[in-house]
């Protein structure tokens, strides 16, 4: 067996190992994805628009807030402001945990 064939076989094996290891995350996120898709369609989004929103807004609660406000014909600036307000909790989380992690090395 050539070195190239061995590398290709190993890459294929690594891919399927990654698929198997990611299944718990897929199972946990699938219901949310189905719910988001149903709410998006209910509020007048196309499949492409819902996909783009999922790609651009990486936060489940923010996506739900954005979809619901869009469906109620709220001004776009207010939708963006609401999404930032929902995500502001992460700033508070990091402020609270930052002191406990200050002594850790940067790469840890």
PDB file of N, CA and C in Angstrom:
ATOM      1  N   UNK A   1       0.858  -1.172   0.000  1.00  0.00           N
ATOM      2  CA  UNK A   1       0.000   0.000   0.000  1.00  0.00           C
ATOM      3  C   UNK A   1       0.902   1.231   0.000  1.00  0.00           C
ATOM      4  N   UNK A   2       0.605   2.180  -0.862  1.00  0.00           N
ATOM      5  CA  UNK A   2       1.438   3.372  -0.964  1.00  0.00           C
ATOM      6  C   UNK A   2       1.165   4.329   0.192  1.00  0.00           C
ATOM      7  N   UNK A   3       2.111   5.240   0.388  1.00  0.00           N
ATOM      8  CA  UNK A   3       1.978   6.227   1.472  1.00  0.00           C
ATOM      9  C   UNK A   3       0.759   7.115   1.238  1.00  0.00           C
ATOM     10  N   UNK A   4       0.490   7.427  -0.025  1.00  0.00           N
ATOM     11  CA  UNK A   4      -0.669   8.274  -0.351  1.00  0.00           C
ATOM     12  C   UNK A   4      -1.979   7.569  -0.001  1.00  0.00           C
ATOM     13  N   UNK A   5      -2.068   6.294  -0.276  1.00  0.00           N
ATOM     14  CA  UNK A   5      -3.275   5.523   0.050  1.00  0.00           C
ATOM     15  C   UNK A   5      -3.462   5.419   1.556  1.00  0.00           C
ATOM     16  N   UNK A   6      -2.370   5.263   2.282  1.00  0.00           N
ATOM     17  CA  UNK A   6      -2.456   5.190   3.744  1.00  0.00           C
ATOM     18  C   UNK A   6      -2.952   6.512   4.311  1.00  0.00           C
ATOM     19  N   UNK A   7      -2.413   7.626   3.790  1.00  0.00           N
ATOM     20  CA  UNK A   7      -2.847   8.948   4.260  1.00  0.00           C
ATOM     21  C   UNK A   7      -4.318   9.193   3.947  1.00  0.00           C
ATOM     22  N   UNK A   8      -4.739   8.781   2.748  1.00  0.00           N
ATOM     23  CA  UNK A   8      -6.146   8.965   2.369  1.00  0.00           C
ATOM     24  C   UNK A   8      -7.056   8.124   3.261  1.00  0.00           C
ATOM     25  N   UNK A   9      -6.644   6.901   3.548  1.00  0.00           N
ATOM     26  CA  UNK A   9      -7.425   6.030   4.425  1.00  0.00           C
ATOM     27  C   UNK A   9      -7.504   6.616   5.833  1.00  0.00           C
ATOM     28  N   UNK A  10      -6.409   7.170   6.317  1.00  0.00           N
ATOM     29  CA  UNK A  10      -6.385   7.763   7.660  1.00  0.00           C
ATOM     30  C   UNK A  10      -7.267   9.015   7.707  1.00  0.00           C
ATOM     31  N   UNK A  11      -7.239   9.826   6.650  1.00  0.00           N
ATOM     32  CA  UNK A  11      -8.073  11.028   6.604  1.00  0.00           C
ATOM     33  C   UNK A  11      -9.549  10.648   6.620  1.00  0.00           C
ATOM     34  N   UNK A  12      -9.902   9.604   5.889  1.00  0.00           N
ATOM     35  CA  UNK A  12     -11.291   9.142   5.869  1.00  0.00           C
ATOM     36  C   UNK A  12     -11.696   8.638   7.253  1.00  0.00           C
ATOM     37  N   UNK A  13     -10.801   7.904   7.895  1.00  0.00           N
ATOM     38  CA  UNK A  13     -11.070   7.397   9.236  1.00  0.00           C
ATOM     39  C   UNK A  13     -11.216   8.551  10.234  1.00  0.00           C
ATOM     40  N   UNK A  14     -10.365   9.568  10.128  1.00  0.00           N
ATOM     41  CA  UNK A  14     -10.465  10.738  11.007  1.00  0.00           C
ATOM     42  C   UNK A  14     -11.788  11.462  10.803  1.00  0.00           C
ATOM     43  N   UNK A  15     -12.232  11.552   9.549  1.00  0.00           N
ATOM     44  CA  UNK A  15     -13.508  12.207   9.262  1.00  0.00           C
ATOM     45  C   UNK A  15     -14.649  11.490   9.970  1.00  0.00           C
ATOM     46  N   UNK A  16     -14.706  10.174   9.829  1.00  0.00           N
ATOM     47  CA  UNK A  16     -15.806   9.423  10.451  1.00  0.00           C
ATOM     48  C   UNK A  16     -15.699   9.408  11.974  1.00  0.00           C
ATOM     49  N   UNK A  17     -14.479   9.468  12.492  1.00  0.00           N
ATOM     50  CA  UNK A  17     -14.312   9.618  13.944  1.00  0.00           C
ATOM     51  C   UNK A  17     -14.914  10.943  14.403  1.00  0.00           C
ATOM     52  N   UNK A  18     -14.673  11.997  13.629  1.00  0.00           N
ATOM     53  CA  UNK A  18     -15.246  13.302  13.952  1.00  0.00           C
ATOM     54  C   UNK A  18     -16.756  13.299  13.882  1.00  0.00           C
ATOM     55  N   UNK A  19     -17.314  12.610  12.891  1.00  0.00           N
ATOM     56  CA  UNK A  19     -18.773  12.506  12.771  1.00  0.00           C
ATOM     57  C   UNK A  19     -19.346  11.798  13.996  1.00  0.00           C
ATOM     58  N   UNK A  20     -18.737  10.687  14.378  1.00  0.00           N
ATOM     59  CA  UNK A  20     -19.218   9.946  15.556  1.00  0.00           C
ATOM     60  C   UNK A  20     -19.114  10.781  16.835  1.00  0.00           C
ATOM     61  N   UNK A  21     -18.035  11.510  16.986  1.00  0.00           N
ATOM     62  CA  UNK A  21     -17.844  12.304  18.198  1.00  0.00           C
ATOM     63  C   UNK A  21     -18.790  13.500  18.266  1.00  0.00           C
ATOM     64  N   UNK A  22     -19.259  13.978  17.119  1.00  0.00           N
ATOM     65  CA  UNK A  22     -20.145  15.151  17.114  1.00  0.00           C
ATOM     66  C   UNK A  22     -21.621  14.786  17.227  1.00  0.00           C
ATOM     67  N   UNK A  23     -21.956  13.525  17.199  1.00  0.00           N
ATOM     68  CA  UNK A  23     -23.368  13.128  17.245  1.00  0.00           C
ATOM     69  C   UNK A  23     -24.115  13.619  18.487  1.00  0.00           C
ATOM     70  N   UNK A  24     -23.532  13.620  19.684  1.00  0.00           N
ATOM     71  CA  UNK A  24     -24.283  14.161  20.828  1.00  0.00           C
ATOM     72  C   UNK A  24     -24.672  15.629  20.643  1.00  0.00           C
ATOM     73  N   UNK A  25     -23.797  16.408  20.027  1.00  0.00           N
ATOM     74  CA  UNK A  25     -24.112  17.818  19.778  1.00  0.00           C
ATOM     75  C   UNK A  25     -25.218  17.932  18.738  1.00  0.00           C
ATOM     76  N   UNK A  26     -25.160  17.109  17.714  1.00  0.00           N
ATOM     77  CA  UNK A  26     -26.192  17.133  16.674  1.00  0.00           C
ATOM     78  C   UNK A  26     -27.547  16.754  17.261  1.00  0.00           C
ATOM     79  N   UNK A  27     -27.579  15.720  18.072  1.00  0.00           N
ATOM     80  CA  UNK A  27     -28.835  15.279  18.690  1.00  0.00           C
ATOM     81  C   UNK A  27     -29.389  16.368  19.603  1.00  0.00           C
ATOM     82  N   UNK A  28     -28.515  17.046  20.329  1.00  0.00           N
ATOM     83  CA  UNK A  28     -28.972  18.094  21.249  1.00  0.00           C
ATOM     84  C   UNK A  28     -29.450  19.340  20.517  1.00  0.00           C
ATOM     85  N   UNK A  29     -28.854  19.664  19.378  1.00  0.00           N
ATOM     86  CA  UNK A  29     -29.220  20.899  18.680  1.00  0.00           C
ATOM     87  C   UNK A  29     -30.303  20.702  17.627  1.00  0.00           C
ATOM     88  N   UNK A  30     -30.593  19.492  17.233  1.00  0.00           N
ATOM     89  CA  UNK A  30     -31.598  19.246  16.193  1.00  0.00           C
ATOM     90  C   UNK A  30     -32.985  19.763  16.564  1.00  0.00           C
ATOM     91  N   UNK A  31     -33.487  19.546  17.777  1.00  0.00           N
ATOM     92  CA  UNK A  31     -34.814  20.091  18.100  1.00  0.00           C
ATOM     93  C   UNK A  31     -34.865  21.614  18.010  1.00  0.00           C
ATOM     94  N   UNK A  32     -33.793  22.274  18.444  1.00  0.00           N
ATOM     95  CA  UNK A  32     -33.749  23.731  18.343  1.00  0.00           C
ATOM     96  C   UNK A  32     -33.752  24.166  16.882  1.00  0.00           C
ATOM     97  N   UNK A  33     -33.016  23.455  16.041  1.00  0.00           N
ATOM     98  CA  UNK A  33     -32.968  23.795  14.619  1.00  0.00           C
ATOM     99  C   UNK A  33     -34.339  23.643  13.972  1.00  0.00           C
ATOM    100  N   UNK A  34     -35.047  22.591  14.318  1.00  0.00           N
ATOM    101  CA  UNK A  34     -36.391  22.375  13.770  1.00  0.00           C
ATOM    102  C   UNK A  34     -37.335  23.463  14.251  1.00  0.00           C
ATOM    103  N   UNK A  35     -37.263  23.798  15.525  1.00  0.00           N
ATOM    104  CA  UNK A  35     -38.102  24.858  16.076  1.00  0.00           C
ATOM    105  C   UNK A  35     -37.800  26.196  15.414  1.00  0.00           C
ATOM    106  N   UNK A  36     -36.523  26.524  15.265  1.00  0.00           N
ATOM    107  CA  UNK A  36     -36.148  27.778  14.619  1.00  0.00           C
ATOM    108  C   UNK A  36     -36.665  27.828  13.188  1.00  0.00           C
ATOM    109  N   UNK A  37     -36.518  26.746  12.450  1.00  0.00           N
ATOM    110  CA  UNK A  37     -37.010  26.711  11.073  1.00  0.00           C
ATOM    111  C   UNK A  37     -38.508  26.909  10.994  1.00  0.00           C
ATOM    112  N   UNK A  38     -39.249  26.274  11.891  1.00  0.00           N
ATOM    113  CA  UNK A  38     -40.710  26.423  11.892  1.00  0.00           C
ATOM    114  C   UNK A  38     -41.122  27.850  12.225  1.00  0.00           C
ATOM    115  N   UNK A  39     -40.475  28.449  13.214  1.00  0.00           N
ATOM    116  CA  UNK A  39     -40.814  29.828  13.582  1.00  0.00           C
ATOM    117  C   UNK A  39     -40.414  30.791  12.469  1.00  0.00           C
ATOM    118  N   UNK A  40     -39.283  30.544  11.831  1.00  0.00           N
ATOM    119  CA  UNK A  40     -38.843  31.412  10.738  1.00  0.00           C
ATOM    120  C   UNK A  40     -39.836  31.383   9.582  1.00  0.00           C
ATOM    121  N   UNK A  41     -40.268  30.214   9.193  1.00  0.00           N
ATOM    122  CA  UNK A  41     -41.246  30.098   8.103  1.00  0.00           C
ATOM    123  C   UNK A  41     -42.567  30.740   8.512  1.00  0.00           C
ATOM    124  N   UNK A  42     -42.965  30.552   9.758  1.00  0.00           N
ATOM    125  CA  UNK A  42     -44.204  31.142  10.258  1.00  0.00           C
ATOM    126  C   UNK A  42     -44.164  32.671  10.229  1.00  0.00           C
ATOM    127  N   UNK A  43     -42.970  33.245  10.375  1.00  0.00           N
ATOM    128  CA  UNK A  43     -42.827  34.699  10.363  1.00  0.00           C
ATOM    129  C   UNK A  43     -42.435  35.252   8.999  1.00  0.00           C
ATOM    130  N   UNK A  44     -42.535  34.451   7.962  1.00  0.00           N
ATOM    131  CA  UNK A  44     -42.343  34.938   6.603  1.00  0.00           C
ATOM    132  C   UNK A  44     -40.934  34.861   6.057  1.00  0.00           C
ATOM    133  N   UNK A  45     -40.041  34.158   6.703  1.00  0.00           N
ATOM    134  CA  UNK A  45     -38.678  34.018   6.194  1.00  0.00           C
ATOM    135  C   UNK A  45     -38.626  32.906   5.154  1.00  0.00           C
ATOM    136  N   UNK A  46     -37.789  33.091   4.139  1.00  0.00           N
ATOM    137  CA  UNK A  46     -37.530  32.007   3.197  1.00  0.00           C
ATOM    138  C   UNK A  46     -36.473  31.091   3.809  1.00  0.00           C
ATOM    139  N   UNK A  47     -36.246  29.960   3.191  1.00  0.00           N
ATOM    140  CA  UNK A  47     -35.232  29.029   3.685  1.00  0.00           C
ATOM    141  C   UNK A  47     -33.855  29.694   3.639  1.00  0.00           C
ATOM    142  N   UNK A  48     -33.570  30.427   2.567  1.00  0.00           N
ATOM    143  CA  UNK A  48     -32.284  31.114   2.446  1.00  0.00           C
ATOM    144  C   UNK A  48     -32.117  32.165   3.538  1.00  0.00           C
ATOM    145  N   UNK A  49     -33.146  32.939   3.794  1.00  0.00           N
ATOM    146  CA  UNK A  49     -33.069  33.965   4.839  1.00  0.00           C
ATOM    147  C   UNK A  49     -32.862  33.339   6.219  1.00  0.00           C
ATOM    148  N   UNK A  50     -33.558  32.261   6.490  1.00  0.00           N
ATOM    149  CA  UNK A  50     -33.386  31.577   7.779  1.00  0.00           C
ATOM    150  C   UNK A  50     -31.970  31.016   7.899  1.00  0.00           C
ATOM    151  N   UNK A  51     -31.455  30.457   6.816  1.00  0.00           N
ATOM    152  CA  UNK A  51     -30.088  29.936   6.814  1.00  0.00           C
ATOM    153  C   UNK A  51     -29.080  31.050   7.060  1.00  0.00           C
ATOM    154  N   UNK A  52     -29.263  32.181   6.376  1.00  0.00           N
ATOM    155  CA  UNK A  52     -28.344  33.305   6.562  1.00  0.00           C
ATOM    156  C   UNK A  52     -28.411  33.858   7.980  1.00  0.00           C
ATOM    157  N   UNK A  53     -29.605  33.898   8.544  1.00  0.00           N
ATOM    158  CA  UNK A  53     -29.724  34.379   9.918  1.00  0.00           C
ATOM    159  C   UNK A  53     -28.996  33.438  10.872  1.00  0.00           C
ATOM    160  N   UNK A  54     -29.106  32.148  10.641  1.00  0.00           N
ATOM    161  CA  UNK A  54     -28.397  31.182  11.483  1.00  0.00           C
ATOM    162  C   UNK A  54     -26.888  31.315  11.324  1.00  0.00           C
ATOM    163  N   UNK A  55     -26.444  31.622  10.111  1.00  0.00           N
ATOM    164  CA  UNK A  55     -25.009  31.756   9.870  1.00  0.00           C
ATOM    165  C   UNK A  55     -24.448  33.046  10.461  1.00  0.00           C
ATOM    166  N   UNK A  56     -25.244  34.106  10.487  1.00  0.00           N
ATOM    167  CA  UNK A  56     -24.758  35.407  10.948  1.00  0.00           C
ATOM    168  C   UNK A  56     -24.965  35.646  12.434  1.00  0.00           C
ATOM    169  N   UNK A  57     -26.000  35.066  13.005  1.00  0.00           N
ATOM    170  CA  UNK A  57     -26.297  35.263  14.426  1.00  0.00           C
ATOM    171  C   UNK A  57     -26.083  33.930  15.121  1.00  0.00           C
ATOM    172  N   UNK A  58     -24.971  33.837  15.833  1.00  0.00           N
ATOM    173  CA  UNK A  58     -24.615  32.567  16.462  1.00  0.00           C
ATOM    174  C   UNK A  58     -25.056  32.579  17.919  1.00  0.00           C
ATOM    175  N   UNK A  59     -26.346  32.604  18.127  1.00  0.00           N
ATOM    176  CA  UNK A  59     -26.905  32.579  19.473  1.00  0.00           C
ATOM    177  C   UNK A  59     -28.377  32.266  19.379  1.00  0.00           C
ATOM    178  N   UNK A  60     -28.781  31.173  19.980  1.00  0.00           N
ATOM    179  CA  UNK A  60     -30.159  30.705  19.855  1.00  0.00           C
ATOM    180  C   UNK A  60     -31.186  31.687  20.355  1.00  0.00           C
ATOM    181  N   UNK A  61     -30.960  32.260  21.531  1.00  0.00           N
ATOM    182  CA  UNK A  61     -31.926  33.213  22.079  1.00  0.00           C
ATOM    183  C   UNK A  61     -32.012  34.450  21.194  1.00  0.00           C
ATOM    184  N   UNK A  62     -30.883  34.886  20.675  1.00  0.00           N
ATOM    185  CA  UNK A  62     -30.874  36.055  19.794  1.00  0.00           C
ATOM    186  C   UNK A  62     -31.628  35.787  18.499  1.00  0.00           C
ATOM    187  N   UNK A  63     -31.481  34.585  17.971  1.00  0.00           N
ATOM    188  CA  UNK A  63     -32.215  34.232  16.758  1.00  0.00           C
ATOM    189  C   UNK A  63     -33.715  34.260  17.008  1.00  0.00           C
ATOM    190  N   UNK A  64     -34.134  33.709  18.120  1.00  0.00           N
ATOM    191  CA  UNK A  64     -35.566  33.685  18.436  1.00  0.00           C
ATOM    192  C   UNK A  64     -36.116  35.098  18.628  1.00  0.00           C
ATOM    193  N   UNK A  65     -35.366  35.943  19.321  1.00  0.00           N
ATOM    194  CA  UNK A  65     -35.800  37.333  19.513  1.00  0.00           C
ATOM    195  C   UNK A  65     -35.892  38.038  18.164  1.00  0.00           C
ATOM    196  N   UNK A  66     -34.877  37.864  17.329  1.00  0.00           N
ATOM    197  CA  UNK A  66     -34.878  38.505  16.012  1.00  0.00           C
ATOM    198  C   UNK A  66     -36.034  38.055  15.144  1.00  0.00           C
ATOM    199  N   UNK A  67     -36.293  36.764  15.119  1.00  0.00           N
ATOM    200  CA  UNK A  67     -37.393  36.222  14.316  1.00  0.00           C
ATOM    201  C   UNK A  67     -38.733  36.763  14.791  1.00  0.00           C
ATOM    202  N   UNK A  68     -38.950  36.729  16.094  1.00  0.00           N
ATOM    203  CA  UNK A  68     -40.238  37.183  16.636  1.00  0.00           C
ATOM    204  C   UNK A  68     -40.455  38.671  16.382  1.00  0.00           C
ATOM    205  N   UNK A  69     -39.426  39.479  16.587  1.00  0.00           N
ATOM    206  CA  UNK A  69     -39.577  40.916  16.359  1.00  0.00           C
ATOM    207  C   UNK A  69     -39.765  41.223  14.879  1.00  0.00           C
ATOM    208  N   UNK A  70     -39.076  40.484  14.020  1.00  0.00           N
ATOM    209  CA  UNK A  70     -39.259  40.673  12.579  1.00  0.00           C
ATOM    210  C   UNK A  70     -40.694  40.337  12.178  1.00  0.00           C
ATOM    211  N   UNK A  71     -41.230  39.281  12.751  1.00  0.00           N
ATOM    212  CA  UNK A  71     -42.605  38.878  12.447  1.00  0.00           C
ATOM    213  C   UNK A  71     -43.634  39.888  12.906  1.00  0.00           C
ATOM    214  N   UNK A  72     -43.274  40.717  13.896  1.00  0.00           N
ATOM    215  CA  UNK A  72     -44.182  41.751  14.394  1.00  0.00           C
ATOM    216  C   UNK A  72     -43.922  43.099  13.725  1.00  0.00           C
ATOM    217  N   UNK A  73     -43.075  43.111  12.698  1.00  0.00           N
ATOM    218  CA  UNK A  73     -42.770  44.305  11.901  1.00  0.00           C
ATOM    219  C   UNK A  73     -42.195  45.433  12.749  1.00  0.00           C
ATOM    220  N   UNK A  74     -41.262  45.084  13.631  1.00  0.00           N
ATOM    221  CA  UNK A  74     -40.565  46.064  14.464  1.00  0.00           C
ATOM    222  C   UNK A  74     -39.442  46.683  13.626  1.00  0.00           C
ATOM    223  N   UNK A  75     -39.084  47.926  13.925  1.00  0.00           N
ATOM    224  CA  UNK A  75     -38.019  48.622  13.194  1.00  0.00           C
ATOM    225  C   UNK A  75     -36.705  47.836  13.273  1.00  0.00           C
ATOM    226  N   UNK A  76     -35.963  47.774  12.159  1.00  0.00           N
ATOM    227  CA  UNK A  76     -34.711  46.997  12.149  1.00  0.00           C
ATOM    228  C   UNK A  76     -33.707  47.429  13.217  1.00  0.00           C
ATOM    229  N   UNK A  77     -33.590  48.722  13.476  1.00  0.00           N
ATOM    230  CA  UNK A  77     -32.631  49.175  14.486  1.00  0.00           C
ATOM    231  C   UNK A  77     -33.011  48.643  15.870  1.00  0.00           C
ATOM    232  N   UNK A  78     -34.306  48.502  16.116  1.00  0.00           N
ATOM    233  CA  UNK A  78     -34.759  47.988  17.399  1.00  0.00           C
ATOM    234  C   UNK A  78     -34.511  46.476  17.511  1.00  0.00           C
ATOM    235  N   UNK A  79     -34.614  45.786  16.392  1.00  0.00           N
ATOM    236  CA  UNK A  79     -34.301  44.347  16.383  1.00  0.00           C
ATOM    237  C   UNK A  79     -32.828  44.138  16.717  1.00  0.00           C
ATOM    238  N   UNK A  80     -31.957  44.912  16.060  1.00  0.00           N
ATOM    239  CA  UNK A  80     -30.516  44.798  16.319  1.00  0.00           C
ATOM    240  C   UNK A  80     -30.206  45.152  17.768  1.00  0.00           C
ATOM    241  N   UNK A  81     -30.813  46.211  18.280  1.00  0.00           N
ATOM    242  CA  UNK A  81     -30.599  46.613  19.669  1.00  0.00           C
ATOM    243  C   UNK A  81     -31.062  45.518  20.638  1.00  0.00           C
ATOM    244  N   UNK A  82     -32.178  44.893  20.336  1.00  0.00           N
ATOM    245  CA  UNK A  82     -32.686  43.815  21.189  1.00  0.00           C
ATOM    246  C   UNK A  82     -31.749  42.613  21.184  1.00  0.00           C
ATOM    247  N   UNK A  83     -31.203  42.290  20.024  1.00  0.00           N
ATOM    248  CA  UNK A  83     -30.261  41.175  19.929  1.00  0.00           C
ATOM    249  C   UNK A  83     -29.005  41.473  20.738  1.00  0.00           C
ATOM    250  N   UNK A  84     -28.507  42.717  20.655  1.00  0.00           N
ATOM    251  CA  UNK A  84     -27.350  43.088  21.472  1.00  0.00           C
ATOM    252  C   UNK A  84     -27.680  43.019  22.957  1.00  0.00           C
ATOM    253  N   UNK A  85     -28.873  43.415  23.325  1.00  0.00           N
ATOM    254  CA  UNK A  85     -29.272  43.369  24.738  1.00  0.00           C
ATOM    255  C   UNK A  85     -29.314  41.929  25.243  1.00  0.00           C
ATOM    256  N   UNK A  86     -29.825  41.024  24.424  1.00  0.00           N
ATOM    257  CA  UNK A  86     -29.872  39.609  24.821  1.00  0.00           C
ATOM    258  C   UNK A  86     -28.458  39.058  24.977  1.00  0.00           C
ATOM    259  N   UNK A  87     -27.554  39.437  24.088  1.00  0.00           N
ATOM    260  CA  UNK A  87     -26.186  38.924  24.148  1.00  0.00           C
ATOM    261  C   UNK A  87     -25.326  39.617  25.190  1.00  0.00           C
ATOM    262  N   UNK A  88     -25.782  40.730  25.733  1.00  0.00           N
ATOM    263  CA  UNK A  88     -24.997  41.442  26.737  1.00  0.00           C
ATOM    264  C   UNK A  88     -24.771  40.595  27.989  1.00  0.00           C
ATOM    265  N   UNK A  89     -25.604  39.609  28.195  1.00  0.00           N
ATOM    266  CA  UNK A  89     -25.435  38.737  29.365  1.00  0.00           C
ATOM    267  C   UNK A  89     -24.079  38.043  29.350  1.00  0.00           C
ATOM    268  N   UNK A  90     -23.531  37.818  28.163  1.00  0.00           N
ATOM    269  CA  UNK A  90     -22.223  37.174  28.079  1.00  0.00           C
ATOM    270  C   UNK A  90     -21.123  38.074  28.633  1.00  0.00           C
ATOM    271  N   UNK A  91     -21.283  39.384  28.490  1.00  0.00           N
ATOM    272  CA  UNK A  91     -20.328  40.315  29.091  1.00  0.00           C
ATOM    273  C   UNK A  91     -20.374  40.171  30.609  1.00  0.00           C
ATOM    274  N   UNK A  92     -21.572  40.064  31.138  1.00  0.00           N
ATOM    275  CA  UNK A  92     -21.711  39.893  32.584  1.00  0.00           C
ATOM    276  C   UNK A  92     -21.138  38.554  33.043  1.00  0.00           C
ATOM    277  N   UNK A  93     -21.362  37.502  32.262  1.00  0.00           N
ATOM    278  CA  UNK A  93     -20.790  36.198  32.605  1.00  0.00           C
ATOM    279  C   UNK A  93     -19.265  36.287  32.668  1.00  0.00           C
ATOM    280  N   UNK A  94     -18.674  36.891  31.642  1.00  0.00           N
ATOM    281  CA  UNK A  94     -17.210  36.953  31.589  1.00  0.00           C
ATOM    282  C   UNK A  94     -16.652  37.842  32.688  1.00  0.00           C
ATOM    283  N   UNK A  95     -17.367  38.898  33.064  1.00  0.00           N
ATOM    284  CA  UNK A  95     -16.901  39.748  34.164  1.00  0.00           C
ATOM    285  C   UNK A  95     -16.915  38.968  35.474  1.00  0.00           C
ATOM    286  N   UNK A  96     -17.905  38.136  35.645  1.00  0.00           N
ATOM    287  CA  UNK A  96     -18.002  37.357  36.874  1.00  0.00           C
ATOM    288  C   UNK A  96     -16.984  36.246  36.972  1.00  0.00           C
ATOM    289  N   UNK A  97     -16.659  35.633  35.854  1.00  0.00           N
ATOM    290  CA  UNK A  97     -15.742  34.491  35.892  1.00  0.00           C
ATOM    291  C   UNK A  97     -14.295  34.906  35.632  1.00  0.00           C
ATOM    292  N   UNK A  98     -14.091  36.111  35.108  1.00  0.00           N
ATOM    293  CA  UNK A  98     -12.744  36.565  34.763  1.00  0.00           C
ATOM    294  C   UNK A  98     -11.781  36.557  35.930  1.00  0.00           C
ATOM    295  N   UNK A  99     -12.248  36.959  37.092  1.00  0.00           N
ATOM    296  CA  UNK A  99     -11.373  36.986  38.270  1.00  0.00           C
ATOM    297  C   UNK A  99     -10.933  35.588  38.664  1.00  0.00           C
ATOM    298  N   UNK A 100     -11.796  34.620  38.471  1.00  0.00           N
ATOM    299  CA  UNK A 100     -11.452  33.241  38.851  1.00  0.00           C
ATOM    300  C   UNK A 100     -10.480  32.595  37.860  1.00  0.00           C
ATOM    301  N   UNK A 101     -10.402  33.145  36.655  1.00  0.00           N
ATOM    302  CA  UNK A 101      -9.537  32.573  35.631  1.00  0.00           C
ATOM    303  C   UNK A 101      -8.265  33.381  35.407  1.00  0.00           C
ATOM    304  N   UNK A 102      -8.086  34.482  36.109  1.00  0.00           N
ATOM    305  CA  UNK A 102      -6.950  35.376  35.866  1.00  0.00           C
ATOM    306  C   UNK A 102      -5.607  34.686  36.081  1.00  0.00           C
ATOM    307  N   UNK A 103      -5.528  33.736  36.967  1.00  0.00           N
ATOM    308  CA  UNK A 103      -4.256  33.070  37.260  1.00  0.00           C
ATOM    309  C   UNK A 103      -3.928  31.950  36.272  1.00  0.00           C
ATOM    310  N   UNK A 104      -4.848  31.594  35.389  1.00  0.00           N
ATOM    311  CA  UNK A 104      -4.594  30.529  34.419  1.00  0.00           C
ATOM    312  C   UNK A 104      -3.671  31.033  33.315  1.00  0.00           C
ATOM    313  N   UNK A 105      -2.867  30.146  32.739  1.00  0.00           N
ATOM    314  CA  UNK A 105      -2.071  30.539  31.569  1.00  0.00           C
ATOM    315  C   UNK A 105      -2.988  30.898  30.398  1.00  0.00           C
ATOM    316  N   UNK A 106      -2.505  31.743  29.513  1.00  0.00           N
ATOM    317  CA  UNK A 106      -3.313  32.246  28.404  1.00  0.00           C
ATOM    318  C   UNK A 106      -3.849  31.125  27.510  1.00  0.00           C
ATOM    319  N   UNK A 107      -3.051  30.117  27.231  1.00  0.00           N
ATOM    320  CA  UNK A 107      -3.476  29.046  26.332  1.00  0.00           C
ATOM    321  C   UNK A 107      -4.393  28.029  26.989  1.00  0.00           C
ATOM    322  N   UNK A 108      -4.519  28.081  28.270  1.00  0.00           N
ATOM    323  CA  UNK A 108      -5.390  27.120  28.941  1.00  0.00           C
ATOM    324  C   UNK A 108      -6.799  27.636  28.869  1.00  0.00           C
TER     325      UNK A 108
END
